[in-house]
Amino acid sequence: MRGFSGAGKGEAILHGKNIYNITKTKRMKNKEGNILSFRILIDSKGNLITELSGLLEKDARKIFNKDDLPIIEKIIREGRIKLEPLHVFLENELDSFT
């Protein structure tokens, strides 16, 4: 585990009580990016929507350096394992109302 050093090396990621400092590479042009997210929202037409989105592991290899890649891949892999069943469950529940 690496500690957080506010020296501008990258963005801090909070994982439980641990903070990891991710080194920013030249390919990281934005100040932040979606690694993995799950949202439940209502659109302008009143539709309730679930959304699971994020970076694919193969794309993470193109962005993150070899030191940071294992933790990013772990976050993506484990996050999807937990979030995909919830996403499917909620979609099925919402479909039962229509």
PDB file of N, CA and C in Angstrom:
ATOM      1  N   MET A   1       0.845  -1.182   0.000  1.00  0.00           N
ATOM      2  CA  MET A   1       0.000   0.000   0.000  1.00  0.00           C
ATOM      3  C   MET A   1       0.883   1.235   0.000  1.00  0.00           C
ATOM      4  N   ARG A   2       0.515   2.172  -0.833  1.00  0.00           N
ATOM      5  CA  ARG A   2       1.235   3.433  -0.871  1.00  0.00           C
ATOM      6  C   ARG A   2       0.426   4.493  -0.158  1.00  0.00           C
ATOM      7  N   GLY A   3       1.091   5.386   0.487  1.00  0.00           N
ATOM      8  CA  GLY A   3       0.411   6.465   1.191  1.00  0.00           C
ATOM      9  C   GLY A   3       0.120   7.631   0.273  1.00  0.00           C
ATOM     10  N   PHE A   4      -0.640   8.565   0.757  1.00  0.00           N
ATOM     11  CA  PHE A   4      -0.995   9.745  -0.025  1.00  0.00           C
ATOM     12  C   PHE A   4       0.039  10.831   0.235  1.00  0.00           C
ATOM     13  N   SER A   5       0.597  11.341  -0.843  1.00  0.00           N
ATOM     14  CA  SER A   5       1.488  12.496  -0.716  1.00  0.00           C
ATOM     15  C   SER A   5       0.945  13.582  -1.624  1.00  0.00           C
ATOM     16  N   GLY A   6       0.511  14.636  -1.109  1.00  0.00           N
ATOM     17  CA  GLY A   6      -0.119  15.684  -1.893  1.00  0.00           C
ATOM     18  C   GLY A   6       0.846  16.402  -2.823  1.00  0.00           C
ATOM     19  N   ALA A   7       1.821  15.710  -3.363  1.00  0.00           N
ATOM     20  CA  ALA A   7       2.851  16.335  -4.188  1.00  0.00           C
ATOM     21  C   ALA A   7       2.462  16.441  -5.651  1.00  0.00           C
ATOM     22  N   GLY A   8       1.176  16.245  -5.953  1.00  0.00           N
ATOM     23  CA  GLY A   8       0.726  16.403  -7.327  1.00  0.00           C
ATOM     24  C   GLY A   8       1.070  15.234  -8.235  1.00  0.00           C
ATOM     25  N   LYS A   9       1.415  14.097  -7.683  1.00  0.00           N
ATOM     26  CA  LYS A   9       1.732  12.935  -8.505  1.00  0.00           C
ATOM     27  C   LYS A   9       0.494  12.358  -9.159  1.00  0.00           C
ATOM     28  N   GLY A  10      -0.652  12.503  -8.546  1.00  0.00           N
ATOM     29  CA  GLY A  10      -1.863  11.925  -9.112  1.00  0.00           C
ATOM     30  C   GLY A  10      -3.057  12.207  -8.234  1.00  0.00           C
ATOM     31  N   GLU A  11      -4.097  11.465  -8.478  1.00  0.00           N
ATOM     32  CA  GLU A  11      -5.322  11.636  -7.721  1.00  0.00           C
ATOM     33  C   GLU A  11      -5.372  10.594  -6.613  1.00  0.00           C
ATOM     34  N   ALA A  12      -5.876  10.957  -5.472  1.00  0.00           N
ATOM     35  CA  ALA A  12      -6.001  10.013  -4.361  1.00  0.00           C
ATOM     36  C   ALA A  12      -7.298   9.237  -4.507  1.00  0.00           C
ATOM     37  N   ILE A  13      -7.230   7.960  -4.230  1.00  0.00           N
ATOM     38  CA  ILE A  13      -8.414   7.114  -4.247  1.00  0.00           C
ATOM     39  C   ILE A  13      -8.624   6.597  -2.839  1.00  0.00           C
ATOM     40  N   LEU A  14      -9.798   6.816  -2.306  1.00  0.00           N
ATOM     41  CA  LEU A  14     -10.116   6.351  -0.971  1.00  0.00           C
ATOM     42  C   LEU A  14     -10.700   4.955  -1.071  1.00  0.00           C
ATOM     43  N   HIS A  15     -10.100   4.014  -0.361  1.00  0.00           N
ATOM     44  CA  HIS A  15     -10.561   2.621  -0.347  1.00  0.00           C
ATOM     45  C   HIS A  15     -10.662   2.215   1.111  1.00  0.00           C
ATOM     46  N   GLY A  16     -11.869   2.209   1.635  1.00  0.00           N
ATOM     47  CA  GLY A  16     -12.024   1.930   3.061  1.00  0.00           C
ATOM     48  C   GLY A  16     -11.343   3.038   3.835  1.00  0.00           C
ATOM     49  N   LYS A  17     -10.382   2.657   4.664  1.00  0.00           N
ATOM     50  CA  LYS A  17      -9.627   3.641   5.426  1.00  0.00           C
ATOM     51  C   LYS A  17      -8.274   3.914   4.791  1.00  0.00           C
ATOM     52  N   ASN A  18      -7.997   3.269   3.666  1.00  0.00           N
ATOM     53  CA  ASN A  18      -6.706   3.438   3.002  1.00  0.00           C
ATOM     54  C   ASN A  18      -6.822   4.427   1.857  1.00  0.00           C
ATOM     55  N   ILE A  19      -5.790   5.206   1.650  1.00  0.00           N
ATOM     56  CA  ILE A  19      -5.738   6.119   0.523  1.00  0.00           C
ATOM     57  C   ILE A  19      -4.557   5.712  -0.340  1.00  0.00           C
ATOM     58  N   TYR A  20      -4.811   5.566  -1.632  1.00  0.00           N
ATOM     59  CA  TYR A  20      -3.772   5.187  -2.584  1.00  0.00           C
ATOM     60  C   TYR A  20      -3.495   6.364  -3.493  1.00  0.00           C
ATOM     61  N   ASN A  21      -2.253   6.628  -3.745  1.00  0.00           N
ATOM     62  CA  ASN A  21      -1.876   7.703  -4.661  1.00  0.00           C
ATOM     63  C   ASN A  21      -1.611   7.089  -6.026  1.00  0.00           C
ATOM     64  N   ILE A  22      -2.407   7.458  -7.003  1.00  0.00           N
ATOM     65  CA  ILE A  22      -2.286   6.934  -8.354  1.00  0.00           C
ATOM     66  C   ILE A  22      -1.474   7.931  -9.178  1.00  0.00           C
ATOM     67  N   THR A  23      -0.429   7.459  -9.801  1.00  0.00           N
ATOM     68  CA  THR A  23       0.431   8.313 -10.605  1.00  0.00           C
ATOM     69  C   THR A  23      -0.286   8.705 -11.885  1.00  0.00           C
ATOM     70  N   LYS A  24      -0.333   9.986 -12.158  1.00  0.00           N
ATOM     71  CA  LYS A  24      -0.992  10.472 -13.366  1.00  0.00           C
ATOM     72  C   LYS A  24      -0.053  10.295 -14.552  1.00  0.00           C
ATOM     73  N   THR A  25      -0.573   9.674 -15.622  1.00  0.00           N
ATOM     74  CA  THR A  25       0.234   9.464 -16.825  1.00  0.00           C
ATOM     75  C   THR A  25      -0.126  10.503 -17.881  1.00  0.00           C
ATOM     76  N   LYS A  26       0.638  10.537 -18.960  1.00  0.00           N
ATOM     77  CA  LYS A  26       0.378  11.498 -20.043  1.00  0.00           C
ATOM     78  C   LYS A  26      -0.973  11.265 -20.698  1.00  0.00           C
ATOM     79  N   ARG A  27      -1.480  10.042 -20.647  1.00  0.00           N
ATOM     80  CA  ARG A  27      -2.770   9.729 -21.263  1.00  0.00           C
ATOM     81  C   ARG A  27      -3.946  10.202 -20.426  1.00  0.00           C
ATOM     82  N   MET A  28      -3.706  10.586 -19.191  1.00  0.00           N
ATOM     83  CA  MET A  28      -4.765  11.087 -18.319  1.00  0.00           C
ATOM     84  C   MET A  28      -4.872  12.590 -18.509  1.00  0.00           C
ATOM     85  N   LYS A  29      -5.738  13.003 -19.413  1.00  0.00           N
ATOM     86  CA  LYS A  29      -5.863  14.418 -19.738  1.00  0.00           C
ATOM     87  C   LYS A  29      -6.857  15.135 -18.834  1.00  0.00           C
ATOM     88  N   ASN A  30      -7.883  14.434 -18.380  1.00  0.00           N
ATOM     89  CA  ASN A  30      -8.897  15.052 -17.529  1.00  0.00           C
ATOM     90  C   ASN A  30      -8.460  15.031 -16.076  1.00  0.00           C
ATOM     91  N   LYS A  31      -9.102  15.851 -15.269  1.00  0.00           N
ATOM     92  CA  LYS A  31      -8.784  15.877 -13.851  1.00  0.00           C
ATOM     93  C   LYS A  31      -9.362  14.686 -13.112  1.00  0.00           C
ATOM     94  N   GLU A  32     -10.412  14.093 -13.685  1.00  0.00           N
ATOM     95  CA  GLU A  32     -10.991  12.903 -13.073  1.00  0.00           C
ATOM     96  C   GLU A  32     -11.622  12.048 -14.153  1.00  0.00           C
ATOM     97  N   GLY A  33     -11.795  10.784 -13.830  1.00  0.00           N
ATOM     98  CA  GLY A  33     -12.394   9.866 -14.784  1.00  0.00           C
ATOM     99  C   GLY A  33     -13.141   8.770 -14.048  1.00  0.00           C
ATOM    100  N   ASN A  34     -14.079   8.175 -14.721  1.00  0.00           N
ATOM    101  CA  ASN A  34     -14.903   7.129 -14.135  1.00  0.00           C
ATOM    102  C   ASN A  34     -14.202   5.781 -14.248  1.00  0.00           C
ATOM    103  N   ILE A  35     -13.816   5.208 -13.128  1.00  0.00           N
ATOM    104  CA  ILE A  35     -13.260   3.862 -13.119  1.00  0.00           C
ATOM    105  C   ILE A  35     -14.406   2.867 -13.057  1.00  0.00           C
ATOM    106  N   LEU A  36     -15.347   3.095 -12.159  1.00  0.00           N
ATOM    107  CA  LEU A  36     -16.529   2.247 -12.046  1.00  0.00           C
ATOM    108  C   LEU A  36     -17.597   3.017 -11.281  1.00  0.00           C
ATOM    109  N   SER A  37     -18.825   2.987 -11.796  1.00  0.00           N
ATOM    110  CA  SER A  37     -19.898   3.687 -11.093  1.00  0.00           C
ATOM    111  C   SER A  37     -21.229   2.974 -11.278  1.00  0.00           C
ATOM    112  N   PHE A  38     -22.093   3.169 -10.311  1.00  0.00           N
ATOM    113  CA  PHE A  38     -23.449   2.650 -10.342  1.00  0.00           C
ATOM    114  C   PHE A  38     -24.363   3.785  -9.933  1.00  0.00           C
ATOM    115  N   ARG A  39     -25.390   4.033 -10.768  1.00  0.00           N
ATOM    116  CA  ARG A  39     -26.314   5.130 -10.470  1.00  0.00           C
ATOM    117  C   ARG A  39     -27.746   4.667 -10.633  1.00  0.00           C
ATOM    118  N   ILE A  40     -28.606   5.247  -9.835  1.00  0.00           N
ATOM    119  CA  ILE A  40     -30.047   5.100  -9.993  1.00  0.00           C
ATOM    120  C   ILE A  40     -30.565   6.517 -10.176  1.00  0.00           C
ATOM    121  N   LEU A  41     -31.237   6.771 -11.298  1.00  0.00           N
ATOM    122  CA  LEU A  41     -31.658   8.133 -11.577  1.00  0.00           C
ATOM    123  C   LEU A  41     -33.026   8.170 -12.234  1.00  0.00           C
ATOM    124  N   ILE A  42     -33.590   9.339 -12.273  1.00  0.00           N
ATOM    125  CA  ILE A  42     -34.861   9.590 -12.958  1.00  0.00           C
ATOM    126  C   ILE A  42     -34.572  10.584 -14.068  1.00  0.00           C
ATOM    127  N   ASP A  43     -34.967  10.236 -15.305  1.00  0.00           N
ATOM    128  CA  ASP A  43     -34.717  11.144 -16.426  1.00  0.00           C
ATOM    129  C   ASP A  43     -35.818  12.196 -16.514  1.00  0.00           C
ATOM    130  N   SER A  44     -35.715  13.073 -17.498  1.00  0.00           N
ATOM    131  CA  SER A  44     -36.654  14.187 -17.635  1.00  0.00           C
ATOM    132  C   SER A  44     -38.074  13.736 -17.962  1.00  0.00           C
ATOM    133  N   LYS A  45     -38.238  12.490 -18.439  1.00  0.00           N
ATOM    134  CA  LYS A  45     -39.563  11.950 -18.739  1.00  0.00           C
ATOM    135  C   LYS A  45     -40.148  11.161 -17.569  1.00  0.00           C
ATOM    136  N   GLY A  46     -39.420  11.119 -16.451  1.00  0.00           N
ATOM    137  CA  GLY A  46     -39.905  10.416 -15.272  1.00  0.00           C
ATOM    138  C   GLY A  46     -39.550   8.936 -15.242  1.00  0.00           C
ATOM    139  N   ASN A  47     -38.700   8.481 -16.158  1.00  0.00           N
ATOM    140  CA  ASN A  47     -38.287   7.078 -16.175  1.00  0.00           C
ATOM    141  C   ASN A  47     -37.219   6.821 -15.115  1.00  0.00           C
ATOM    142  N   LEU A  48     -37.382   5.764 -14.353  1.00  0.00           N
ATOM    143  CA  LEU A  48     -36.390   5.344 -13.369  1.00  0.00           C
ATOM    144  C   LEU A  48     -35.380   4.457 -14.085  1.00  0.00           C
ATOM    145  N   ILE A  49     -34.109   4.778 -13.960  1.00  0.00           N
ATOM    146  CA  ILE A  49     -33.056   4.114 -14.727  1.00  0.00           C
ATOM    147  C   ILE A  49     -31.945   3.665 -13.781  1.00  0.00           C
ATOM    148  N   THR A  50     -31.426   2.455 -14.022  1.00  0.00           N
ATOM    149  CA  THR A  50     -30.207   2.030 -13.335  1.00  0.00           C
ATOM    150  C   THR A  50     -29.086   2.044 -14.357  1.00  0.00           C
ATOM    151  N   GLU A  51     -27.914   2.431 -13.922  1.00  0.00           N
ATOM    152  CA  GLU A  51     -26.786   2.545 -14.837  1.00  0.00           C
ATOM    153  C   GLU A  51     -25.526   2.015 -14.168  1.00  0.00           C
ATOM    154  N   LEU A  52     -24.872   1.084 -14.834  1.00  0.00           N
ATOM    155  CA  LEU A  52     -23.577   0.572 -14.410  1.00  0.00           C
ATOM    156  C   LEU A  52     -22.597   0.916 -15.520  1.00  0.00           C
ATOM    157  N   SER A  53     -21.580   1.682 -15.201  1.00  0.00           N
ATOM    158  CA  SER A  53     -20.629   2.088 -16.234  1.00  0.00           C
ATOM    159  C   SER A  53     -19.225   2.136 -15.657  1.00  0.00           C
ATOM    160  N   GLY A  54     -18.279   2.169 -16.543  1.00  0.00           N
ATOM    161  CA  GLY A  54     -16.904   2.278 -16.089  1.00  0.00           C
ATOM    162  C   GLY A  54     -15.908   1.838 -17.128  1.00  0.00           C
ATOM    163  N   LEU A  55     -14.685   1.825 -16.713  1.00  0.00           N
ATOM    164  CA  LEU A  55     -13.555   1.488 -17.545  1.00  0.00           C
ATOM    165  C   LEU A  55     -13.421  -0.030 -17.653  1.00  0.00           C
ATOM    166  N   LEU A  56     -13.145  -0.533 -18.841  1.00  0.00           N
ATOM    167  CA  LEU A  56     -12.860  -1.953 -19.017  1.00  0.00           C
ATOM    168  C   LEU A  56     -11.422  -2.210 -18.587  1.00  0.00           C
ATOM    169  N   GLU A  57     -11.166  -3.429 -18.083  1.00  0.00           N
ATOM    170  CA  GLU A  57      -9.807  -3.752 -17.646  1.00  0.00           C
ATOM    171  C   GLU A  57      -8.798  -3.576 -18.776  1.00  0.00           C
ATOM    172  N   LYS A  58      -9.166  -3.989 -19.998  1.00  0.00           N
ATOM    173  CA  LYS A  58      -8.220  -3.868 -21.116  1.00  0.00           C
ATOM    174  C   LYS A  58      -7.893  -2.407 -21.409  1.00  0.00           C
ATOM    175  N   ASP A  59      -8.845  -1.513 -21.175  1.00  0.00           N
ATOM    176  CA  ASP A  59      -8.589  -0.093 -21.387  1.00  0.00           C
ATOM    177  C   ASP A  59      -7.757   0.503 -20.260  1.00  0.00           C
ATOM    178  N   ALA A  60      -7.897  -0.044 -19.058  1.00  0.00           N
ATOM    179  CA  ALA A  60      -7.092   0.423 -17.927  1.00  0.00           C
ATOM    180  C   ALA A  60      -5.612   0.203 -18.213  1.00  0.00           C
ATOM    181  N   ARG A  61      -5.293  -0.875 -18.924  1.00  0.00           N
ATOM    182  CA  ARG A  61      -3.896  -1.182 -19.272  1.00  0.00           C
ATOM    183  C   ARG A  61      -3.293  -0.115 -20.186  1.00  0.00           C
ATOM    184  N   LYS A  62      -4.150   0.576 -20.923  1.00  0.00           N
ATOM    185  CA  LYS A  62      -3.683   1.623 -21.828  1.00  0.00           C
ATOM    186  C   LYS A  62      -3.458   2.951 -21.109  1.00  0.00           C
ATOM    187  N   ILE A  63      -4.050   3.093 -19.923  1.00  0.00           N
ATOM    188  CA  ILE A  63      -4.050   4.376 -19.228  1.00  0.00           C
ATOM    189  C   ILE A  63      -3.104   4.412 -18.031  1.00  0.00           C
ATOM    190  N   PHE A  64      -3.154   3.363 -17.198  1.00  0.00           N
ATOM    191  CA  PHE A  64      -2.403   3.360 -15.939  1.00  0.00           C
ATOM    192  C   PHE A  64      -1.053   2.685 -16.090  1.00  0.00           C
ATOM    193  N   ASN A  65      -0.084   3.141 -15.308  1.00  0.00           N
ATOM    194  CA  ASN A  65       1.239   2.539 -15.377  1.00  0.00           C
ATOM    195  C   ASN A  65       1.252   1.196 -14.653  1.00  0.00           C
ATOM    196  N   LYS A  66       2.307   0.429 -14.838  1.00  0.00           N
ATOM    197  CA  LYS A  66       2.362  -0.941 -14.320  1.00  0.00           C
ATOM    198  C   LYS A  66       2.329  -1.016 -12.798  1.00  0.00           C
ATOM    199  N   ASP A  67       2.754   0.025 -12.113  1.00  0.00           N
ATOM    200  CA  ASP A  67       2.704   0.016 -10.651  1.00  0.00           C
ATOM    201  C   ASP A  67       1.280   0.187 -10.127  1.00  0.00           C
ATOM    202  N   ASP A  68       0.491   0.985 -10.803  1.00  0.00           N
ATOM    203  CA  ASP A  68      -0.875   1.280 -10.367  1.00  0.00           C
ATOM    204  C   ASP A  68      -1.903   0.318 -10.943  1.00  0.00           C
ATOM    205  N   LEU A  69      -1.568  -0.339 -12.024  1.00  0.00           N
ATOM    206  CA  LEU A  69      -2.524  -1.191 -12.733  1.00  0.00           C
ATOM    207  C   LEU A  69      -3.147  -2.287 -11.875  1.00  0.00           C
ATOM    208  N   PRO A  70      -2.391  -3.010 -11.033  1.00  0.00           N
ATOM    209  CA  PRO A  70      -3.026  -4.085 -10.246  1.00  0.00           C
ATOM    210  C   PRO A  70      -4.179  -3.610  -9.365  1.00  0.00           C
ATOM    211  N   ILE A  71      -4.041  -2.457  -8.719  1.00  0.00           N
ATOM    212  CA  ILE A  71      -5.122  -1.991  -7.850  1.00  0.00           C
ATOM    213  C   ILE A  71      -6.318  -1.511  -8.673  1.00  0.00           C
ATOM    214  N   ILE A  72      -6.072  -0.886  -9.805  1.00  0.00           N
ATOM    215  CA  ILE A  72      -7.167  -0.434 -10.663  1.00  0.00           C
ATOM    216  C   ILE A  72      -7.923  -1.632 -11.216  1.00  0.00           C
ATOM    217  N   GLU A  73      -7.200  -2.646 -11.694  1.00  0.00           N
ATOM    218  CA  GLU A  73      -7.845  -3.858 -12.198  1.00  0.00           C
ATOM    219  C   GLU A  73      -8.651  -4.553 -11.103  1.00  0.00           C
ATOM    220  N   LYS A  74      -8.122  -4.578  -9.895  1.00  0.00           N
ATOM    221  CA  LYS A  74      -8.822  -5.192  -8.763  1.00  0.00           C
ATOM    222  C   LYS A  74     -10.113  -4.444  -8.448  1.00  0.00           C
ATOM    223  N   ILE A  75     -10.057  -3.122  -8.454  1.00  0.00           N
ATOM    224  CA  ILE A  75     -11.253  -2.309  -8.200  1.00  0.00           C
ATOM    225  C   ILE A  75     -12.307  -2.589  -9.266  1.00  0.00           C
ATOM    226  N   ILE A  76     -11.908  -2.621 -10.530  1.00  0.00           N
ATOM    227  CA  ILE A  76     -12.849  -2.877 -11.622  1.00  0.00           C
ATOM    228  C   ILE A  76     -13.449  -4.271 -11.499  1.00  0.00           C
ATOM    229  N   ARG A  77     -12.595  -5.269 -11.320  1.00  0.00           N
ATOM    230  CA  ARG A  77     -13.041  -6.664 -11.262  1.00  0.00           C
ATOM    231  C   ARG A  77     -13.973  -6.914 -10.069  1.00  0.00           C
ATOM    232  N   GLU A  78     -13.534  -6.542  -8.882  1.00  0.00           N
ATOM    233  CA  GLU A  78     -14.327  -6.788  -7.674  1.00  0.00           C
ATOM    234  C   GLU A  78     -15.579  -5.922  -7.636  1.00  0.00           C
ATOM    235  N   GLY A  79     -15.467  -4.700  -8.114  1.00  0.00           N
ATOM    236  CA  GLY A  79     -16.635  -3.814  -8.156  1.00  0.00           C
ATOM    237  C   GLY A  79     -17.714  -4.356  -9.069  1.00  0.00           C
ATOM    238  N   ARG A  80     -17.325  -4.846 -10.221  1.00  0.00           N
ATOM    239  CA  ARG A  80     -18.304  -5.428 -11.163  1.00  0.00           C
ATOM    240  C   ARG A  80     -18.946  -6.686 -10.581  1.00  0.00           C
ATOM    241  N   ILE A  81     -18.155  -7.510  -9.886  1.00  0.00           N
ATOM    242  CA  ILE A  81     -18.709  -8.720  -9.262  1.00  0.00           C
ATOM    243  C   ILE A  81     -19.829  -8.355  -8.289  1.00  0.00           C
ATOM    244  N   LYS A  82     -19.650  -7.286  -7.551  1.00  0.00           N
ATOM    245  CA  LYS A  82     -20.660  -6.861  -6.566  1.00  0.00           C
ATOM    246  C   LYS A  82     -21.801  -6.072  -7.190  1.00  0.00           C
ATOM    247  N   LEU A  83     -21.503  -5.218  -8.164  1.00  0.00           N
ATOM    248  CA  LEU A  83     -22.520  -4.309  -8.691  1.00  0.00           C
ATOM    249  C   LEU A  83     -23.382  -4.899  -9.798  1.00  0.00           C
ATOM    250  N   GLU A  84     -22.845  -5.786 -10.627  1.00  0.00           N
ATOM    251  CA  GLU A  84     -23.640  -6.337 -11.733  1.00  0.00           C
ATOM    252  C   GLU A  84     -24.888  -7.075 -11.253  1.00  0.00           C
ATOM    253  N   PRO A  85     -24.812  -7.930 -10.209  1.00  0.00           N
ATOM    254  CA  PRO A  85     -26.048  -8.582  -9.741  1.00  0.00           C
ATOM    255  C   PRO A  85     -27.089  -7.573  -9.223  1.00  0.00           C
ATOM    256  N   LEU A  86     -26.650  -6.526  -8.556  1.00  0.00           N
ATOM    257  CA  LEU A  86     -27.572  -5.489  -8.078  1.00  0.00           C
ATOM    258  C   LEU A  86     -28.215  -4.783  -9.266  1.00  0.00           C
ATOM    259  N   HIS A  87     -27.433  -4.462 -10.271  1.00  0.00           N
ATOM    260  CA  HIS A  87     -27.937  -3.801 -11.475  1.00  0.00           C
ATOM    261  C   HIS A  87     -28.999  -4.667 -12.164  1.00  0.00           C
ATOM    262  N   VAL A  88     -28.711  -5.941 -12.356  1.00  0.00           N
ATOM    263  CA  VAL A  88     -29.654  -6.861 -13.006  1.00  0.00           C
ATOM    264  C   VAL A  88     -30.913  -7.022 -12.156  1.00  0.00           C
ATOM    265  N   PHE A  89     -30.752  -7.168 -10.850  1.00  0.00           N
ATOM    266  CA  PHE A  89     -31.896  -7.305  -9.946  1.00  0.00           C
ATOM    267  C   PHE A  89     -32.824  -6.101 -10.053  1.00  0.00           C
ATOM    268  N   LEU A  90     -32.271  -4.913  -9.977  1.00  0.00           N
ATOM    269  CA  LEU A  90     -33.100  -3.703 -10.039  1.00  0.00           C
ATOM    270  C   LEU A  90     -33.749  -3.529 -11.407  1.00  0.00           C
ATOM    271  N   GLU A  91     -33.036  -3.861 -12.474  1.00  0.00           N
ATOM    272  CA  GLU A  91     -33.639  -3.799 -13.814  1.00  0.00           C
ATOM    273  C   GLU A  91     -34.844  -4.732 -13.898  1.00  0.00           C
ATOM    274  N   ASN A  92     -34.686  -5.946 -13.399  1.00  0.00           N
ATOM    275  CA  ASN A  92     -35.794  -6.903 -13.421  1.00  0.00           C
ATOM    276  C   ASN A  92     -36.967  -6.431 -12.574  1.00  0.00           C
ATOM    277  N   GLU A  93     -36.687  -5.871 -11.426  1.00  0.00           N
ATOM    278  CA  GLU A  93     -37.743  -5.340 -10.573  1.00  0.00           C
ATOM    279  C   GLU A  93     -38.470  -4.201 -11.262  1.00  0.00           C
ATOM    280  N   LEU A  94     -37.738  -3.306 -11.885  1.00  0.00           N
ATOM    281  CA  LEU A  94     -38.372  -2.177 -12.586  1.00  0.00           C
ATOM    282  C   LEU A  94     -39.179  -2.673 -13.786  1.00  0.00           C
ATOM    283  N   ASP A  95     -38.666  -3.673 -14.483  1.00  0.00           N
ATOM    284  CA  ASP A  95     -39.395  -4.235 -15.636  1.00  0.00           C
ATOM    285  C   ASP A  95     -40.716  -4.873 -15.216  1.00  0.00           C
ATOM    286  N   SER A  96     -40.764  -5.374 -13.994  1.00  0.00           N
ATOM    287  CA  SER A  96     -42.009  -6.023 -13.534  1.00  0.00           C
ATOM    288  C   SER A  96     -43.136  -5.024 -13.346  1.00  0.00           C
ATOM    289  N   PHE A  97     -42.824  -3.743 -13.271  1.00  0.00           N
ATOM    290  CA  PHE A  97     -43.851  -2.715 -13.121  1.00  0.00           C
ATOM    291  C   PHE A  97     -44.420  -2.261 -14.454  1.00  0.00           C
ATOM    292  N   THR A  98     -43.769  -2.612 -15.551  1.00  0.00           N
ATOM    293  CA  THR A  98     -44.244  -2.139 -16.862  1.00  0.00           C
ATOM    294  C   THR A  98     -45.009  -3.195 -17.600  1.00  0.00           C
TER     295      THR A  98
END
